[in-house]
Amino acid sequence: MENPTHSLPSLFKQLGLPNDPVSIDQFIAAHSPLKPELHLCDAFFWTKSQADFLRDEILDDADWAEVVDQLDVMLRKGRGM
């Protein structure tokens, strides 16, 4: 299996969010769990540009898609997965 092109910290940086491990853990804790029927990009806490980026990356199966999926899973289950 290939390593993902991008890391979770780099995704947080791309989204304009603090990307150190403590900040990522705090973000996951503050925003999880997401409801199963809610698309990640439709969560209330994203700005329009963040939501558009997340949606486009998944729809286009782009470079960021794998790490966006990782974030989605983490937000559904919490950090301790």
PDB file of N, CA and C in Angstrom:
ATOM      1  N   MET A   1       0.842  -1.180   0.000  1.00  0.00           N
ATOM      2  CA  MET A   1       0.000   0.000   0.000  1.00  0.00           C
ATOM      3  C   MET A   1       0.887   1.243   0.000  1.00  0.00           C
ATOM      4  N   GLU A   2       0.534   2.194  -0.834  1.00  0.00           N
ATOM      5  CA  GLU A   2       1.311   3.431  -0.912  1.00  0.00           C
ATOM      6  C   GLU A   2       0.997   4.341   0.264  1.00  0.00           C
ATOM      7  N   ASN A   3       1.998   5.110   0.670  1.00  0.00           N
ATOM      8  CA  ASN A   3       1.763   6.118   1.696  1.00  0.00           C
ATOM      9  C   ASN A   3       0.927   7.232   1.096  1.00  0.00           C
ATOM     10  N   PRO A   4       0.062   7.846   1.931  1.00  0.00           N
ATOM     11  CA  PRO A   4      -0.732   8.954   1.400  1.00  0.00           C
ATOM     12  C   PRO A   4       0.165  10.094   0.938  1.00  0.00           C
ATOM     13  N   THR A   5      -0.307  10.816  -0.063  1.00  0.00           N
ATOM     14  CA  THR A   5       0.434  11.946  -0.592  1.00  0.00           C
ATOM     15  C   THR A   5       0.567  13.043   0.451  1.00  0.00           C
ATOM     16  N   HIS A   6      -0.478  13.225   1.253  1.00  0.00           N
ATOM     17  CA  HIS A   6      -0.523  14.295   2.243  1.00  0.00           C
ATOM     18  C   HIS A   6      -0.781  13.708   3.627  1.00  0.00           C
ATOM     19  N   SER A   7      -0.358  14.431   4.636  1.00  0.00           N
ATOM     20  CA  SER A   7      -0.557  14.004   6.017  1.00  0.00           C
ATOM     21  C   SER A   7      -1.723  14.774   6.637  1.00  0.00           C
ATOM     22  N   LEU A   8      -2.174  14.294   7.787  1.00  0.00           N
ATOM     23  CA  LEU A   8      -3.228  14.993   8.511  1.00  0.00           C
ATOM     24  C   LEU A   8      -2.784  16.402   8.913  1.00  0.00           C
ATOM     25  N   PRO A   9      -1.577  16.585   9.450  1.00  0.00           N
ATOM     26  CA  PRO A   9      -1.147  17.955   9.751  1.00  0.00           C
ATOM     27  C   PRO A   9      -1.119  18.857   8.509  1.00  0.00           C
ATOM     28  N   SER A  10      -0.730  18.309   7.366  1.00  0.00           N
ATOM     29  CA  SER A  10      -0.708  19.147   6.163  1.00  0.00           C
ATOM     30  C   SER A  10      -2.129  19.496   5.716  1.00  0.00           C
ATOM     31  N   LEU A  11      -3.095  18.608   5.943  1.00  0.00           N
ATOM     32  CA  LEU A  11      -4.489  18.928   5.631  1.00  0.00           C
ATOM     33  C   LEU A  11      -4.985  20.060   6.523  1.00  0.00           C
ATOM     34  N   PHE A  12      -4.680  19.975   7.804  1.00  0.00           N
ATOM     35  CA  PHE A  12      -5.096  21.046   8.713  1.00  0.00           C
ATOM     36  C   PHE A  12      -4.466  22.372   8.299  1.00  0.00           C
ATOM     37  N   LYS A  13      -3.216  22.329   7.894  1.00  0.00           N
ATOM     38  CA  LYS A  13      -2.555  23.554   7.416  1.00  0.00           C
ATOM     39  C   LYS A  13      -3.257  24.072   6.164  1.00  0.00           C
ATOM     40  N   GLN A  14      -3.572  23.190   5.243  1.00  0.00           N
ATOM     41  CA  GLN A  14      -4.263  23.561   4.006  1.00  0.00           C
ATOM     42  C   GLN A  14      -5.617  24.215   4.314  1.00  0.00           C
ATOM     43  N   LEU A  15      -6.275  23.730   5.363  1.00  0.00           N
ATOM     44  CA  LEU A  15      -7.571  24.275   5.760  1.00  0.00           C
ATOM     45  C   LEU A  15      -7.444  25.555   6.582  1.00  0.00           C
ATOM     46  N   GLY A  16      -6.214  25.952   6.878  1.00  0.00           N
ATOM     47  CA  GLY A  16      -5.994  27.169   7.655  1.00  0.00           C
ATOM     48  C   GLY A  16      -6.213  26.981   9.142  1.00  0.00           C
ATOM     49  N   LEU A  17      -6.069  25.735   9.598  1.00  0.00           N
ATOM     50  CA  LEU A  17      -6.266  25.407  11.006  1.00  0.00           C
ATOM     51  C   LEU A  17      -4.926  25.100  11.666  1.00  0.00           C
ATOM     52  N   PRO A  18      -4.833  25.274  12.990  1.00  0.00           N
ATOM     53  CA  PRO A  18      -3.603  24.872  13.683  1.00  0.00           C
ATOM     54  C   PRO A  18      -3.340  23.393  13.405  1.00  0.00           C
ATOM     55  N   ASN A  19      -2.092  23.057  13.121  1.00  0.00           N
ATOM     56  CA  ASN A  19      -1.813  21.691  12.663  1.00  0.00           C
ATOM     57  C   ASN A  19      -0.843  20.917  13.544  1.00  0.00           C
ATOM     58  N   ASP A  20      -0.639  21.367  14.773  1.00  0.00           N
ATOM     59  CA  ASP A  20       0.183  20.582  15.690  1.00  0.00           C
ATOM     60  C   ASP A  20      -0.685  19.466  16.286  1.00  0.00           C
ATOM     61  N   PRO A  21      -0.065  18.398  16.796  1.00  0.00           N
ATOM     62  CA  PRO A  21      -0.839  17.244  17.291  1.00  0.00           C
ATOM     63  C   PRO A  21      -1.872  17.597  18.368  1.00  0.00           C
ATOM     64  N   VAL A  22      -1.540  18.478  19.277  1.00  0.00           N
ATOM     65  CA  VAL A  22      -2.486  18.843  20.337  1.00  0.00           C
ATOM     66  C   VAL A  22      -3.698  19.556  19.745  1.00  0.00           C
ATOM     67  N   SER A  23      -3.473  20.482  18.818  1.00  0.00           N
ATOM     68  CA  SER A  23      -4.582  21.206  18.189  1.00  0.00           C
ATOM     69  C   SER A  23      -5.468  20.272  17.373  1.00  0.00           C
ATOM     70  N   ILE A  24      -4.858  19.325  16.685  1.00  0.00           N
ATOM     71  CA  ILE A  24      -5.639  18.349  15.909  1.00  0.00           C
ATOM     72  C   ILE A  24      -6.494  17.513  16.851  1.00  0.00           C
ATOM     73  N   ASP A  25      -5.906  17.031  17.943  1.00  0.00           N
ATOM     74  CA  ASP A  25      -6.664  16.255  18.929  1.00  0.00           C
ATOM     75  C   ASP A  25      -7.823  17.073  19.496  1.00  0.00           C
ATOM     76  N   GLN A  26      -7.573  18.333  19.796  1.00  0.00           N
ATOM     77  CA  GLN A  26      -8.616  19.196  20.349  1.00  0.00           C
ATOM     78  C   GLN A  26      -9.740  19.421  19.328  1.00  0.00           C
ATOM     79  N   PHE A  27      -9.376  19.600  18.073  1.00  0.00           N
ATOM     80  CA  PHE A  27     -10.370  19.787  17.016  1.00  0.00           C
ATOM     81  C   PHE A  27     -11.253  18.547  16.904  1.00  0.00           C
ATOM     82  N   ILE A  28     -10.630  17.375  16.876  1.00  0.00           N
ATOM     83  CA  ILE A  28     -11.380  16.116  16.763  1.00  0.00           C
ATOM     84  C   ILE A  28     -12.302  15.960  17.973  1.00  0.00           C
ATOM     85  N   ALA A  29     -11.780  16.216  19.165  1.00  0.00           N
ATOM     86  CA  ALA A  29     -12.585  16.082  20.381  1.00  0.00           C
ATOM     87  C   ALA A  29     -13.757  17.063  20.385  1.00  0.00           C
ATOM     88  N   ALA A  30     -13.527  18.276  19.922  1.00  0.00           N
ATOM     89  CA  ALA A  30     -14.566  19.311  19.951  1.00  0.00           C
ATOM     90  C   ALA A  30     -15.661  19.081  18.912  1.00  0.00           C
ATOM     91  N   HIS A  31     -15.352  18.389  17.823  1.00  0.00           N
ATOM     92  CA  HIS A  31     -16.300  18.281  16.719  1.00  0.00           C
ATOM     93  C   HIS A  31     -16.798  16.870  16.444  1.00  0.00           C
ATOM     94  N   SER A  32     -16.466  15.919  17.292  1.00  0.00           N
ATOM     95  CA  SER A  32     -16.959  14.570  17.054  1.00  0.00           C
ATOM     96  C   SER A  32     -17.937  14.173  18.155  1.00  0.00           C
ATOM     97  N   PRO A  33     -18.769  13.230  17.884  1.00  0.00           N
ATOM     98  CA  PRO A  33     -18.888  12.495  16.624  1.00  0.00           C
ATOM     99  C   PRO A  33     -19.846  13.193  15.649  1.00  0.00           C
ATOM    100  N   LEU A  34     -19.538  13.036  14.379  1.00  0.00           N
ATOM    101  CA  LEU A  34     -20.453  13.514  13.341  1.00  0.00           C
ATOM    102  C   LEU A  34     -21.585  12.503  13.185  1.00  0.00           C
ATOM    103  N   LYS A  35     -22.747  12.988  12.845  1.00  0.00           N
ATOM    104  CA  LYS A  35     -23.874  12.096  12.583  1.00  0.00           C
ATOM    105  C   LYS A  35     -23.569  11.270  11.333  1.00  0.00           C
ATOM    106  N   PRO A  36     -23.957  10.004  11.341  1.00  0.00           N
ATOM    107  CA  PRO A  36     -23.645   9.130  10.197  1.00  0.00           C
ATOM    108  C   PRO A  36     -24.154   9.648   8.856  1.00  0.00           C
ATOM    109  N   GLU A  37     -25.299  10.318   8.854  1.00  0.00           N
ATOM    110  CA  GLU A  37     -25.887  10.770   7.586  1.00  0.00           C
ATOM    111  C   GLU A  37     -25.295  12.091   7.094  1.00  0.00           C
ATOM    112  N   LEU A  38     -24.462  12.740   7.901  1.00  0.00           N
ATOM    113  CA  LEU A  38     -23.898  14.036   7.546  1.00  0.00           C
ATOM    114  C   LEU A  38     -22.603  13.863   6.753  1.00  0.00           C
ATOM    115  N   HIS A  39     -22.537  14.490   5.591  1.00  0.00           N
ATOM    116  CA  HIS A  39     -21.289  14.504   4.825  1.00  0.00           C
ATOM    117  C   HIS A  39     -20.293  15.407   5.541  1.00  0.00           C
ATOM    118  N   LEU A  40     -19.055  15.016   5.542  1.00  0.00           N
ATOM    119  CA  LEU A  40     -18.016  15.798   6.216  1.00  0.00           C
ATOM    120  C   LEU A  40     -18.059  17.259   5.789  1.00  0.00           C
ATOM    121  N   CYS A  41     -18.167  17.505   4.516  1.00  0.00           N
ATOM    122  CA  CYS A  41     -18.137  18.882   4.012  1.00  0.00           C
ATOM    123  C   CYS A  41     -19.356  19.698   4.423  1.00  0.00           C
ATOM    124  N   ASP A  42     -20.408  19.051   4.899  1.00  0.00           N
ATOM    125  CA  ASP A  42     -21.622  19.756   5.311  1.00  0.00           C
ATOM    126  C   ASP A  42     -21.663  20.061   6.805  1.00  0.00           C
ATOM    127  N   ALA A  43     -20.605  19.705   7.527  1.00  0.00           N
ATOM    128  CA  ALA A  43     -20.575  19.987   8.962  1.00  0.00           C
ATOM    129  C   ALA A  43     -20.584  21.493   9.190  1.00  0.00           C
ATOM    130  N   PHE A  44     -21.222  21.911  10.262  1.00  0.00           N
ATOM    131  CA  PHE A  44     -21.444  23.336  10.535  1.00  0.00           C
ATOM    132  C   PHE A  44     -20.168  24.125  10.799  1.00  0.00           C
ATOM    133  N   PHE A  45     -19.106  23.463  11.182  1.00  0.00           N
ATOM    134  CA  PHE A  45     -17.912  24.180  11.647  1.00  0.00           C
ATOM    135  C   PHE A  45     -16.952  24.602  10.541  1.00  0.00           C
ATOM    136  N   TRP A  46     -17.217  24.218   9.295  1.00  0.00           N
ATOM    137  CA  TRP A  46     -16.345  24.626   8.195  1.00  0.00           C
ATOM    138  C   TRP A  46     -16.768  25.972   7.638  1.00  0.00           C
ATOM    139  N   THR A  47     -15.789  26.734   7.167  1.00  0.00           N
ATOM    140  CA  THR A  47     -16.109  27.908   6.375  1.00  0.00           C
ATOM    141  C   THR A  47     -16.526  27.419   4.986  1.00  0.00           C
ATOM    142  N   LYS A  48     -17.082  28.296   4.193  1.00  0.00           N
ATOM    143  CA  LYS A  48     -17.480  27.901   2.835  1.00  0.00           C
ATOM    144  C   LYS A  48     -16.287  27.405   2.036  1.00  0.00           C
ATOM    145  N   SER A  49     -15.157  28.090   2.132  1.00  0.00           N
ATOM    146  CA  SER A  49     -13.988  27.672   1.343  1.00  0.00           C
ATOM    147  C   SER A  49     -13.439  26.328   1.841  1.00  0.00           C
ATOM    148  N   GLN A  50     -13.463  26.098   3.128  1.00  0.00           N
ATOM    149  CA  GLN A  50     -13.024  24.798   3.657  1.00  0.00           C
ATOM    150  C   GLN A  50     -13.958  23.690   3.168  1.00  0.00           C
ATOM    151  N   ALA A  51     -15.261  23.928   3.275  1.00  0.00           N
ATOM    152  CA  ALA A  51     -16.249  22.929   2.845  1.00  0.00           C
ATOM    153  C   ALA A  51     -16.110  22.637   1.348  1.00  0.00           C
ATOM    154  N   ASP A  52     -15.926  23.681   0.562  1.00  0.00           N
ATOM    155  CA  ASP A  52     -15.751  23.498  -0.888  1.00  0.00           C
ATOM    156  C   ASP A  52     -14.508  22.670  -1.179  1.00  0.00           C
ATOM    157  N   PHE A  53     -13.419  22.955  -0.495  1.00  0.00           N
ATOM    158  CA  PHE A  53     -12.182  22.205  -0.687  1.00  0.00           C
ATOM    159  C   PHE A  53     -12.401  20.726  -0.358  1.00  0.00           C
ATOM    160  N   LEU A  54     -12.981  20.442   0.803  1.00  0.00           N
ATOM    161  CA  LEU A  54     -13.201  19.052   1.219  1.00  0.00           C
ATOM    162  C   LEU A  54     -14.109  18.325   0.224  1.00  0.00           C
ATOM    163  N   ARG A  55     -15.181  18.976  -0.199  1.00  0.00           N
ATOM    164  CA  ARG A  55     -16.121  18.381  -1.161  1.00  0.00           C
ATOM    165  C   ARG A  55     -15.421  18.083  -2.486  1.00  0.00           C
ATOM    166  N   ASP A  56     -14.694  19.067  -2.995  1.00  0.00           N
ATOM    167  CA  ASP A  56     -14.038  18.904  -4.295  1.00  0.00           C
ATOM    168  C   ASP A  56     -12.986  17.802  -4.274  1.00  0.00           C
ATOM    169  N   GLU A  57     -12.237  17.725  -3.198  1.00  0.00           N
ATOM    170  CA  GLU A  57     -11.194  16.700  -3.120  1.00  0.00           C
ATOM    171  C   GLU A  57     -11.782  15.298  -3.141  1.00  0.00           C
ATOM    172  N   ILE A  58     -12.895  15.110  -2.455  1.00  0.00           N
ATOM    173  CA  ILE A  58     -13.544  13.793  -2.449  1.00  0.00           C
ATOM    174  C   ILE A  58     -14.196  13.510  -3.804  1.00  0.00           C
ATOM    175  N   LEU A  59     -14.941  14.468  -4.331  1.00  0.00           N
ATOM    176  CA  LEU A  59     -15.632  14.248  -5.610  1.00  0.00           C
ATOM    177  C   LEU A  59     -14.660  13.989  -6.754  1.00  0.00           C
ATOM    178  N   ASP A  60     -13.513  14.665  -6.719  1.00  0.00           N
ATOM    179  CA  ASP A  60     -12.517  14.504  -7.782  1.00  0.00           C
ATOM    180  C   ASP A  60     -11.536  13.368  -7.517  1.00  0.00           C
ATOM    181  N   ASP A  61     -11.666  12.720  -6.354  1.00  0.00           N
ATOM    182  CA  ASP A  61     -10.712  11.701  -5.928  1.00  0.00           C
ATOM    183  C   ASP A  61      -9.287  12.226  -6.108  1.00  0.00           C
ATOM    184  N   ALA A  62      -9.080  13.435  -5.634  1.00  0.00           N
ATOM    185  CA  ALA A  62      -7.822  14.164  -5.824  1.00  0.00           C
ATOM    186  C   ALA A  62      -6.771  13.748  -4.792  1.00  0.00           C
ATOM    187  N   ASP A  63      -5.631  14.408  -4.863  1.00  0.00           N
ATOM    188  CA  ASP A  63      -4.490  14.091  -3.986  1.00  0.00           C
ATOM    189  C   ASP A  63      -4.843  14.069  -2.511  1.00  0.00           C
ATOM    190  N   TRP A  64      -5.727  14.949  -2.103  1.00  0.00           N
ATOM    191  CA  TRP A  64      -6.064  15.080  -0.684  1.00  0.00           C
ATOM    192  C   TRP A  64      -7.140  14.096  -0.247  1.00  0.00           C
ATOM    193  N   ALA A  65      -7.757  13.375  -1.152  1.00  0.00           N
ATOM    194  CA  ALA A  65      -8.933  12.550  -0.826  1.00  0.00           C
ATOM    195  C   ALA A  65      -8.660  11.543   0.282  1.00  0.00           C
ATOM    196  N   GLU A  66      -7.525  10.902   0.268  1.00  0.00           N
ATOM    197  CA  GLU A  66      -7.248   9.865   1.268  1.00  0.00           C
ATOM    198  C   GLU A  66      -7.175  10.455   2.673  1.00  0.00           C
ATOM    199  N   VAL A  67      -6.504  11.579   2.823  1.00  0.00           N
ATOM    200  CA  VAL A  67      -6.386  12.176   4.148  1.00  0.00           C
ATOM    201  C   VAL A  67      -7.699  12.852   4.561  1.00  0.00           C
ATOM    202  N   VAL A  68      -8.493  13.334   3.610  1.00  0.00           N
ATOM    203  CA  VAL A  68      -9.828  13.851   3.924  1.00  0.00           C
ATOM    204  C   VAL A  68     -10.692  12.702   4.447  1.00  0.00           C
ATOM    205  N   ASP A  69     -10.596  11.535   3.831  1.00  0.00           N
ATOM    206  CA  ASP A  69     -11.309  10.352   4.330  1.00  0.00           C
ATOM    207  C   ASP A  69     -10.858   9.997   5.741  1.00  0.00           C
ATOM    208  N   GLN A  70      -9.559  10.103   5.986  1.00  0.00           N
ATOM    209  CA  GLN A  70      -9.018   9.823   7.321  1.00  0.00           C
ATOM    210  C   GLN A  70      -9.638  10.773   8.348  1.00  0.00           C
ATOM    211  N   LEU A  71      -9.701  12.051   8.021  1.00  0.00           N
ATOM    212  CA  LEU A  71     -10.312  13.032   8.913  1.00  0.00           C
ATOM    213  C   LEU A  71     -11.784  12.702   9.137  1.00  0.00           C
ATOM    214  N   ASP A  72     -12.480  12.311   8.084  1.00  0.00           N
ATOM    215  CA  ASP A  72     -13.888  11.947   8.186  1.00  0.00           C
ATOM    216  C   ASP A  72     -14.070  10.819   9.201  1.00  0.00           C
ATOM    217  N   VAL A  73     -13.278   9.777   9.091  1.00  0.00           N
ATOM    218  CA  VAL A  73     -13.361   8.641  10.014  1.00  0.00           C
ATOM    219  C   VAL A  73     -13.072   9.097  11.445  1.00  0.00           C
ATOM    220  N   MET A  74     -12.062   9.908  11.601  1.00  0.00           N
ATOM    221  CA  MET A  74     -11.691  10.375  12.946  1.00  0.00           C
ATOM    222  C   MET A  74     -12.822  11.199  13.571  1.00  0.00           C
ATOM    223  N   LEU A  75     -13.470  12.018  12.776  1.00  0.00           N
ATOM    224  CA  LEU A  75     -14.563  12.836  13.295  1.00  0.00           C
ATOM    225  C   LEU A  75     -15.822  12.029  13.583  1.00  0.00           C
ATOM    226  N   ARG A  76     -15.940  10.872  13.002  1.00  0.00           N
ATOM    227  CA  ARG A  76     -17.094  10.013  13.285  1.00  0.00           C
ATOM    228  C   ARG A  76     -16.862   9.168  14.522  1.00  0.00           C
ATOM    229  N   LYS A  77     -15.619   8.785  14.772  1.00  0.00           N
ATOM    230  CA  LYS A  77     -15.302   7.901  15.885  1.00  0.00           C
ATOM    231  C   LYS A  77     -14.595   8.590  17.043  1.00  0.00           C
ATOM    232  N   GLY A  78     -14.074   9.779  16.834  1.00  0.00           N
ATOM    233  CA  GLY A  78     -13.244  10.423  17.855  1.00  0.00           C
ATOM    234  C   GLY A  78     -11.803  10.056  17.629  1.00  0.00           C
ATOM    235  N   ARG A  79     -10.897  10.703  18.315  1.00  0.00           N
ATOM    236  CA  ARG A  79      -9.460  10.549  18.077  1.00  0.00           C
ATOM    237  C   ARG A  79      -8.934   9.171  18.431  1.00  0.00           C
ATOM    238  N   GLY A  80      -9.454   8.537  19.442  1.00  0.00           N
ATOM    239  CA  GLY A  80      -8.908   7.260  19.897  1.00  0.00           C
ATOM    240  C   GLY A  80      -9.360   6.076  19.082  1.00  0.00           C
ATOM    241  N   MET A  81      -9.119   6.097  17.790  1.00  0.00           N
ATOM    242  CA  MET A  81      -9.534   4.993  16.930  1.00  0.00           C
ATOM    243  C   MET A  81      -8.468   3.954  16.757  1.00  0.00           C
TER     244      MET A  81
END
